[in-house]
Amino acid sequence: MPATRYTISGVTQDGQKFRPSDWTKRLICIKKEQLIKYNGHLKIRRIDGIKSIVFDSQLQEACSFTFERLLSFAKINHLVVTEEQINSQDSN
């Protein structure tokens, strides 16, 4: 079944680098019990030297609060968000 992979880049829509530099860790606050919920559907990555958060649409089922929080944060802070259709087995 197709899923959507979202990437929130640490760059604003006007091309500015987003601060603070540890924004990904602050936003995610991964604790052991959250890792079980996220089950590989959420990752912090560096893409082309830019800190990013990558997650798939299955995160919405695993933890809808986190899914909505990420998209809301990106919108409020005018961060670049890309969406890509993927096969479920490609989501990792």
C-alpha atoms as a PDB file:
ATOM      1  CA  MET A   1       0.000   0.000   0.000  1.00  0.00           C
ATOM      2  CA  PRO A   2       1.435   3.414  -0.891  1.00  0.00           C
ATOM      3  CA  ALA A   3       2.391   5.747   1.920  1.00  0.00           C
ATOM      4  CA  THR A   4       3.676   9.297   2.017  1.00  0.00           C
ATOM      5  CA  ARG A   5       7.129  10.213   3.277  1.00  0.00           C
ATOM      6  CA  TYR A   6       7.411  13.733   4.685  1.00  0.00           C
ATOM      7  CA  THR A   7      10.679  15.594   5.071  1.00  0.00           C
ATOM      8  CA  ILE A   8      10.839  18.752   7.148  1.00  0.00           C
ATOM      9  CA  SER A   9      14.066  20.575   6.308  1.00  0.00           C
ATOM     10  CA  GLY A  10      15.831  22.972   8.640  1.00  0.00           C
ATOM     11  CA  VAL A  11      15.478  25.706   6.032  1.00  0.00           C
ATOM     12  CA  THR A  12      12.705  28.279   5.919  1.00  0.00           C
ATOM     13  CA  GLN A  13      10.703  28.894   2.761  1.00  0.00           C
ATOM     14  CA  ASP A  14      12.734  32.065   2.183  1.00  0.00           C
ATOM     15  CA  GLY A  15      15.997  30.066   2.278  1.00  0.00           C
ATOM     16  CA  GLN A  16      17.203  30.908   5.797  1.00  0.00           C
ATOM     17  CA  LYS A  17      18.785  28.259   8.020  1.00  0.00           C
ATOM     18  CA  PHE A  18      16.422  27.470  10.903  1.00  0.00           C
ATOM     19  CA  ARG A  19      17.661  28.074  14.448  1.00  0.00           C
ATOM     20  CA  PRO A  20      18.390  26.822  17.046  1.00  0.00           C
ATOM     21  CA  SER A  21      20.743  24.251  15.579  1.00  0.00           C
ATOM     22  CA  ASP A  22      19.347  21.471  17.806  1.00  0.00           C
ATOM     23  CA  TRP A  23      15.735  22.094  16.754  1.00  0.00           C
ATOM     24  CA  THR A  24      15.255  18.485  15.631  1.00  0.00           C
ATOM     25  CA  LYS A  25      16.151  17.002  19.019  1.00  0.00           C
ATOM     26  CA  ARG A  26      14.123  19.612  20.883  1.00  0.00           C
ATOM     27  CA  LEU A  27      11.062  18.960  18.756  1.00  0.00           C
ATOM     28  CA  ILE A  28      11.214  15.178  18.858  1.00  0.00           C
ATOM     29  CA  CYS A  29      12.322  14.627  22.500  1.00  0.00           C
ATOM     30  CA  ILE A  30      12.618  10.910  21.850  1.00  0.00           C
ATOM     31  CA  LYS A  31      12.187   8.810  24.960  1.00  0.00           C
ATOM     32  CA  LYS A  32      12.371   5.052  25.113  1.00  0.00           C
ATOM     33  CA  GLU A  33       8.578   4.611  25.260  1.00  0.00           C
ATOM     34  CA  GLN A  34       8.130   6.948  22.264  1.00  0.00           C
ATOM     35  CA  LEU A  35      10.523   4.908  20.144  1.00  0.00           C
ATOM     36  CA  ILE A  36       8.205   1.937  20.512  1.00  0.00           C
ATOM     37  CA  LYS A  37       5.241   4.053  19.351  1.00  0.00           C
ATOM     38  CA  TYR A  38       7.131   5.538  16.411  1.00  0.00           C
ATOM     39  CA  ASN A  39       8.367   2.079  15.343  1.00  0.00           C
ATOM     40  CA  GLY A  40      10.801   3.400  12.744  1.00  0.00           C
ATOM     41  CA  HIS A  41       8.357   5.845  11.179  1.00  0.00           C
ATOM     42  CA  LEU A  42      10.297   8.904  12.395  1.00  0.00           C
ATOM     43  CA  LYS A  43      13.986   9.728  11.953  1.00  0.00           C
ATOM     44  CA  ILE A  44      16.323  12.681  12.337  1.00  0.00           C
ATOM     45  CA  ARG A  45      18.571  12.973   9.289  1.00  0.00           C
ATOM     46  CA  ARG A  46      21.121  15.318   7.794  1.00  0.00           C
ATOM     47  CA  ILE A  47      20.260  15.808   4.126  1.00  0.00           C
ATOM     48  CA  ASP A  48      22.717  17.793   2.025  1.00  0.00           C
ATOM     49  CA  GLY A  49      24.154  19.200   5.256  1.00  0.00           C
ATOM     50  CA  ILE A  50      20.733  20.349   6.539  1.00  0.00           C
ATOM     51  CA  LYS A  51      19.191  18.883   9.689  1.00  0.00           C
ATOM     52  CA  SER A  52      15.841  17.355   8.824  1.00  0.00           C
ATOM     53  CA  ILE A  53      13.069  15.232  10.238  1.00  0.00           C
ATOM     54  CA  VAL A  54      11.808  12.409   8.035  1.00  0.00           C
ATOM     55  CA  PHE A  55       8.609  10.546   8.823  1.00  0.00           C
ATOM     56  CA  ASP A  56       5.961   8.602   6.996  1.00  0.00           C
ATOM     57  CA  SER A  57       2.183   8.729   7.005  1.00  0.00           C
ATOM     58  CA  GLN A  58       2.049   5.581   9.144  1.00  0.00           C
ATOM     59  CA  LEU A  59       3.256   7.742  12.044  1.00  0.00           C
ATOM     60  CA  GLN A  60      -0.248   9.226  12.071  1.00  0.00           C
ATOM     61  CA  GLU A  61      -1.614   5.810  13.073  1.00  0.00           C
ATOM     62  CA  ALA A  62       1.193   5.144  15.542  1.00  0.00           C
ATOM     63  CA  CYS A  63       1.033   8.560  17.246  1.00  0.00           C
ATOM     64  CA  SER A  64      -1.354  11.084  15.719  1.00  0.00           C
ATOM     65  CA  PHE A  65      -0.341  13.793  18.219  1.00  0.00           C
ATOM     66  CA  THR A  66       3.293  13.675  17.072  1.00  0.00           C
ATOM     67  CA  PHE A  67       2.311  13.566  13.397  1.00  0.00           C
ATOM     68  CA  GLU A  68       0.117  16.668  13.710  1.00  0.00           C
ATOM     69  CA  ARG A  69       2.648  18.438  15.937  1.00  0.00           C
ATOM     70  CA  LEU A  70       5.420  18.029  13.347  1.00  0.00           C
ATOM     71  CA  LEU A  71       3.342  19.381  10.478  1.00  0.00           C
ATOM     72  CA  SER A  72       2.013  22.227  12.602  1.00  0.00           C
ATOM     73  CA  PHE A  73       5.525  23.183  13.736  1.00  0.00           C
ATOM     74  CA  ALA A  74       6.734  23.245  10.132  1.00  0.00           C
ATOM     75  CA  LYS A  75       3.815  25.422   9.041  1.00  0.00           C
ATOM     76  CA  ILE A  76       4.149  27.908  11.916  1.00  0.00           C
ATOM     77  CA  ASN A  77       7.901  28.266  11.340  1.00  0.00           C
ATOM     78  CA  HIS A  78       7.627  28.384   7.529  1.00  0.00           C
ATOM     79  CA  LEU A  79       9.900  25.359   7.088  1.00  0.00           C
ATOM     80  CA  VAL A  80      10.253  23.559   3.781  1.00  0.00           C
ATOM     81  CA  VAL A  81       8.199  20.347   3.773  1.00  0.00           C
ATOM     82  CA  THR A  82       8.402  17.851   0.933  1.00  0.00           C
ATOM     83  CA  GLU A  83       6.131  14.878   0.364  1.00  0.00           C
ATOM     84  CA  GLU A  84       7.005  11.746  -1.581  1.00  0.00           C
ATOM     85  CA  GLN A  85       4.829   8.743  -2.362  1.00  0.00           C
ATOM     86  CA  ILE A  86       6.532   5.495  -1.333  1.00  0.00           C
ATOM     87  CA  ASN A  87       5.736   1.812  -1.053  1.00  0.00           C
ATOM     88  CA  SER A  88       5.142   0.672   2.535  1.00  0.00           C
ATOM     89  CA  GLN A  89       8.216  -1.586   2.484  1.00  0.00           C
ATOM     90  CA  ASP A  90      10.365   1.419   1.422  1.00  0.00           C
ATOM     91  CA  SER A  91       9.378   3.541   4.438  1.00  0.00           C
ATOM     92  CA  ASN A  92      12.488   2.645   6.454  1.00  0.00           C
END
